[in-house]
Amino acid sequence: MLWPALYSLRYLGFAVLHPFIIHGVRRGLRGQALEAQHAYLESMEEQYVAFLRRLEQQPLVRFNSVSDFDADGQLKPGAPVYSPFVQHSPMLW
């Protein structure tokens, strides 16, 4: 879901970092489930702070360069594949 937005940023000239994603956040929890989510989010907050402290060392999202494509806009044979949205065309006989 994020790849199109990330690619748009790359297209505009940005260097794009891998996003920091927190899964499993829910609302409407009560009791132990709510306490467990709070504990989980606190640990994720610590991880995010650590991520931000190492921001300059975080890996960039890799994208194909213009030279990876042929004149028809198809990915050249042997060019790397970095996304499920940019793939080598199957050979049609």
N, C-alpha and C. Protein backbone atom coordinates (compact mmCIF):
# COMPACT_ATOMS: atom_id res chain seq x y z
N MET A 1 0.81 -1.19 0.00
CA MET A 1 0.00 0.00 0.00
C MET A 1 0.86 1.26 0.00
N LEU A 2 2.01 1.21 0.60
CA LEU A 2 2.84 2.42 0.71
C LEU A 2 3.71 2.66 -0.51
N TRP A 3 3.97 1.60 -1.30
CA TRP A 3 4.92 1.74 -2.39
C TRP A 3 4.55 2.86 -3.36
N PRO A 4 3.31 3.01 -3.81
CA PRO A 4 3.01 4.12 -4.72
C PRO A 4 3.33 5.49 -4.13
N ALA A 5 3.04 5.67 -2.85
CA ALA A 5 3.35 6.96 -2.21
C ALA A 5 4.86 7.15 -2.10
N LEU A 6 5.58 6.09 -1.76
CA LEU A 6 7.03 6.19 -1.65
C LEU A 6 7.65 6.47 -3.02
N TYR A 7 7.12 5.81 -4.05
CA TYR A 7 7.64 6.03 -5.40
C TYR A 7 7.37 7.47 -5.85
N SER A 8 6.23 8.01 -5.47
CA SER A 8 5.92 9.39 -5.82
C SER A 8 6.95 10.34 -5.22
N LEU A 9 7.34 10.08 -3.97
CA LEU A 9 8.37 10.90 -3.34
C LEU A 9 9.70 10.77 -4.07
N ARG A 10 10.05 9.55 -4.46
CA ARG A 10 11.28 9.33 -5.21
C ARG A 10 11.24 10.06 -6.54
N TYR A 11 10.09 10.00 -7.20
CA TYR A 11 9.91 10.65 -8.50
C TYR A 11 10.11 12.16 -8.37
N LEU A 12 9.75 12.71 -7.23
CA LEU A 12 9.93 14.14 -6.98
C LEU A 12 11.34 14.50 -6.53
N GLY A 13 12.20 13.50 -6.40
CA GLY A 13 13.59 13.76 -6.08
C GLY A 13 14.00 13.51 -4.64
N PHE A 14 13.10 12.97 -3.84
CA PHE A 14 13.43 12.70 -2.45
C PHE A 14 14.19 11.39 -2.32
N ALA A 15 15.09 11.32 -1.35
CA ALA A 15 15.65 10.05 -0.91
C ALA A 15 14.62 9.50 0.08
N VAL A 16 14.19 8.27 -0.11
CA VAL A 16 13.08 7.72 0.67
C VAL A 16 13.58 6.65 1.62
N LEU A 17 13.35 6.86 2.90
CA LEU A 17 13.72 5.87 3.91
C LEU A 17 12.63 4.81 4.01
N HIS A 18 13.05 3.62 4.43
CA HIS A 18 12.05 2.59 4.74
C HIS A 18 11.19 3.12 5.89
N PRO A 19 9.89 3.01 5.76
CA PRO A 19 9.02 3.56 6.81
C PRO A 19 9.09 2.74 8.09
N PHE A 20 8.86 3.41 9.18
CA PHE A 20 8.73 2.74 10.47
C PHE A 20 7.25 2.45 10.65
N ILE A 21 6.89 1.20 10.68
CA ILE A 21 5.49 0.81 10.69
C ILE A 21 5.16 0.12 12.01
N ILE A 22 4.05 0.50 12.59
CA ILE A 22 3.57 -0.13 13.81
C ILE A 22 2.27 -0.87 13.46
N HIS A 23 2.30 -2.16 13.60
CA HIS A 23 1.14 -3.00 13.29
C HIS A 23 0.30 -3.26 14.53
N GLY A 24 -0.95 -3.63 14.33
CA GLY A 24 -1.79 -4.13 15.40
C GLY A 24 -2.38 -3.09 16.33
N VAL A 25 -2.44 -1.84 15.91
CA VAL A 25 -3.04 -0.81 16.77
C VAL A 25 -4.55 -0.86 16.58
N ARG A 26 -5.25 -0.99 17.69
CA ARG A 26 -6.70 -1.12 17.64
C ARG A 26 -7.36 -0.17 18.64
N ARG A 27 -8.60 0.09 18.40
CA ARG A 27 -9.37 0.89 19.36
C ARG A 27 -10.48 0.03 19.95
N GLY A 28 -11.07 0.51 21.00
CA GLY A 28 -12.17 -0.21 21.61
C GLY A 28 -11.75 -1.35 22.52
N LEU A 29 -10.47 -1.42 22.85
CA LEU A 29 -10.00 -2.49 23.73
C LEU A 29 -10.28 -2.14 25.18
N ARG A 30 -10.42 -3.17 26.00
CA ARG A 30 -10.66 -2.97 27.44
C ARG A 30 -9.86 -3.99 28.22
N GLY A 31 -9.70 -3.68 29.48
CA GLY A 31 -9.07 -4.63 30.40
C GLY A 31 -7.65 -5.00 30.00
N GLN A 32 -7.37 -6.31 30.04
CA GLN A 32 -6.02 -6.79 29.76
C GLN A 32 -5.59 -6.50 28.32
N ALA A 33 -6.52 -6.55 27.40
CA ALA A 33 -6.18 -6.26 26.00
C ALA A 33 -5.71 -4.82 25.85
N LEU A 34 -6.36 -3.89 26.54
CA LEU A 34 -5.95 -2.49 26.50
C LEU A 34 -4.59 -2.30 27.16
N GLU A 35 -4.38 -2.95 28.29
CA GLU A 35 -3.09 -2.86 28.98
C GLU A 35 -1.98 -3.44 28.11
N ALA A 36 -2.25 -4.56 27.46
CA ALA A 36 -1.25 -5.17 26.58
C ALA A 36 -0.93 -4.24 25.41
N GLN A 37 -1.95 -3.59 24.86
CA GLN A 37 -1.68 -2.67 23.75
C GLN A 37 -0.86 -1.48 24.22
N HIS A 38 -1.15 -0.95 25.40
CA HIS A 38 -0.37 0.16 25.93
C HIS A 38 1.09 -0.24 26.11
N ALA A 39 1.31 -1.43 26.64
CA ALA A 39 2.69 -1.91 26.82
C ALA A 39 3.38 -2.07 25.46
N TYR A 40 2.66 -2.61 24.50
CA TYR A 40 3.19 -2.78 23.14
C TYR A 40 3.55 -1.42 22.54
N LEU A 41 2.65 -0.45 22.66
CA LEU A 41 2.91 0.87 22.09
C LEU A 41 4.06 1.58 22.78
N GLU A 42 4.22 1.36 24.07
CA GLU A 42 5.36 1.94 24.77
C GLU A 42 6.67 1.35 24.23
N SER A 43 6.69 0.05 23.99
CA SER A 43 7.90 -0.57 23.44
C SER A 43 8.15 -0.08 22.01
N MET A 44 7.09 0.11 21.25
CA MET A 44 7.25 0.63 19.89
C MET A 44 7.74 2.08 19.91
N GLU A 45 7.30 2.84 20.89
CA GLU A 45 7.78 4.21 21.03
C GLU A 45 9.28 4.23 21.27
N GLU A 46 9.75 3.33 22.12
CA GLU A 46 11.19 3.23 22.38
C GLU A 46 11.94 2.85 21.10
N GLN A 47 11.39 1.91 20.35
CA GLN A 47 12.02 1.52 19.09
C GLN A 47 12.04 2.67 18.08
N TYR A 48 10.97 3.46 18.07
CA TYR A 48 10.90 4.59 17.14
C TYR A 48 11.91 5.66 17.52
N VAL A 49 12.07 5.93 18.80
CA VAL A 49 13.07 6.89 19.24
C VAL A 49 14.47 6.40 18.81
N ALA A 50 14.73 5.12 19.00
CA ALA A 50 16.02 4.56 18.56
C ALA A 50 16.18 4.67 17.05
N PHE A 51 15.11 4.43 16.30
CA PHE A 51 15.11 4.58 14.85
C PHE A 51 15.47 6.01 14.47
N LEU A 52 14.86 6.98 15.13
CA LEU A 52 15.13 8.39 14.83
C LEU A 52 16.56 8.78 15.18
N ARG A 53 17.08 8.22 16.24
CA ARG A 53 18.47 8.53 16.64
C ARG A 53 19.47 8.01 15.60
N ARG A 54 19.09 6.97 14.87
CA ARG A 54 19.96 6.39 13.83
C ARG A 54 19.43 6.74 12.44
N LEU A 55 18.71 7.81 12.32
CA LEU A 55 18.04 8.15 11.07
C LEU A 55 19.01 8.20 9.89
N GLU A 56 20.18 8.74 10.09
CA GLU A 56 21.14 8.85 8.99
C GLU A 56 21.70 7.51 8.55
N GLN A 57 21.56 6.48 9.39
CA GLN A 57 22.03 5.15 9.02
C GLN A 57 20.92 4.25 8.49
N GLN A 58 19.70 4.74 8.49
CA GLN A 58 18.58 3.90 8.03
C GLN A 58 18.69 3.66 6.53
N PRO A 59 18.33 2.47 6.07
CA PRO A 59 18.44 2.16 4.64
C PRO A 59 17.38 2.91 3.83
N LEU A 60 17.76 3.21 2.60
CA LEU A 60 16.84 3.84 1.67
C LEU A 60 16.03 2.78 0.94
N VAL A 61 14.84 3.13 0.54
CA VAL A 61 14.04 2.27 -0.31
C VAL A 61 14.70 2.28 -1.68
N ARG A 62 14.89 1.12 -2.27
CA ARG A 62 15.54 1.05 -3.58
C ARG A 62 14.49 1.06 -4.68
N PHE A 63 14.81 1.79 -5.73
CA PHE A 63 13.93 1.90 -6.89
C PHE A 63 14.76 1.66 -8.14
N ASN A 64 14.12 1.23 -9.20
CA ASN A 64 14.81 1.08 -10.47
C ASN A 64 15.13 2.45 -11.05
N SER A 65 16.27 2.53 -11.73
CA SER A 65 16.63 3.77 -12.41
C SER A 65 16.08 3.76 -13.83
N VAL A 66 16.11 4.88 -14.47
CA VAL A 66 15.62 5.01 -15.84
C VAL A 66 16.36 4.05 -16.76
N SER A 67 17.64 3.85 -16.52
CA SER A 67 18.44 2.97 -17.38
C SER A 67 18.04 1.49 -17.26
N ASP A 68 17.22 1.14 -16.27
CA ASP A 68 16.75 -0.24 -16.12
C ASP A 68 15.61 -0.57 -17.08
N PHE A 69 15.10 0.42 -17.80
CA PHE A 69 13.96 0.22 -18.68
C PHE A 69 14.35 0.40 -20.14
N ASP A 70 13.67 -0.34 -21.03
CA ASP A 70 13.93 -0.20 -22.45
C ASP A 70 13.08 0.94 -23.03
N ALA A 71 13.17 1.15 -24.34
CA ALA A 71 12.44 2.24 -25.00
C ALA A 71 10.93 2.10 -24.89
N ASP A 72 10.44 0.86 -24.67
CA ASP A 72 9.00 0.63 -24.53
C ASP A 72 8.53 0.72 -23.08
N GLY A 73 9.44 1.07 -22.19
CA GLY A 73 9.07 1.18 -20.78
C GLY A 73 9.04 -0.14 -20.04
N GLN A 74 9.58 -1.19 -20.65
CA GLN A 74 9.63 -2.51 -20.01
C GLN A 74 10.96 -2.66 -19.27
N LEU A 75 10.91 -3.34 -18.16
CA LEU A 75 12.12 -3.61 -17.40
C LEU A 75 13.04 -4.49 -18.23
N LYS A 76 14.29 -4.06 -18.39
CA LYS A 76 15.24 -4.81 -19.20
C LYS A 76 15.56 -6.16 -18.54
N PRO A 77 15.84 -7.17 -19.36
CA PRO A 77 16.27 -8.46 -18.79
C PRO A 77 17.52 -8.26 -17.93
N GLY A 78 17.55 -8.87 -16.80
CA GLY A 78 18.69 -8.76 -15.90
C GLY A 78 18.66 -7.55 -15.00
N ALA A 79 17.74 -6.61 -15.22
CA ALA A 79 17.63 -5.45 -14.33
C ALA A 79 17.08 -5.91 -12.99
N PRO A 80 17.51 -5.27 -11.92
CA PRO A 80 17.02 -5.69 -10.60
C PRO A 80 15.53 -5.40 -10.43
N VAL A 81 14.91 -6.14 -9.53
CA VAL A 81 13.50 -5.95 -9.20
C VAL A 81 13.44 -5.55 -7.73
N TYR A 82 12.88 -4.38 -7.46
CA TYR A 82 12.80 -3.88 -6.09
C TYR A 82 11.37 -3.82 -5.56
N SER A 83 10.40 -4.07 -6.40
CA SER A 83 9.02 -3.87 -5.99
C SER A 83 8.11 -4.88 -6.67
N PRO A 84 7.01 -5.23 -6.02
CA PRO A 84 6.04 -6.09 -6.71
C PRO A 84 5.31 -5.34 -7.82
N PHE A 85 5.45 -4.03 -7.86
CA PHE A 85 4.78 -3.23 -8.87
C PHE A 85 5.62 -3.05 -10.13
N VAL A 86 6.90 -3.35 -10.04
CA VAL A 86 7.79 -3.26 -11.20
C VAL A 86 8.43 -4.63 -11.37
N GLN A 87 7.98 -5.36 -12.36
CA GLN A 87 8.43 -6.73 -12.57
C GLN A 87 8.83 -6.93 -14.02
N HIS A 88 9.60 -7.97 -14.28
CA HIS A 88 9.92 -8.35 -15.63
C HIS A 88 8.66 -8.90 -16.30
N SER A 89 8.44 -8.51 -17.54
CA SER A 89 7.30 -9.03 -18.28
C SER A 89 7.54 -10.50 -18.61
N PRO A 90 6.52 -11.33 -18.48
CA PRO A 90 6.70 -12.73 -18.87
C PRO A 90 6.86 -12.82 -20.39
N MET A 91 7.64 -13.77 -20.82
CA MET A 91 7.84 -13.98 -22.25
C MET A 91 6.55 -14.58 -22.83
N LEU A 92 5.99 -13.91 -23.77
CA LEU A 92 4.77 -14.41 -24.43
C LEU A 92 5.17 -14.91 -25.81
N TRP A 93 4.92 -16.13 -26.11
CA TRP A 93 5.32 -16.72 -27.39
C TRP A 93 4.15 -16.85 -28.28
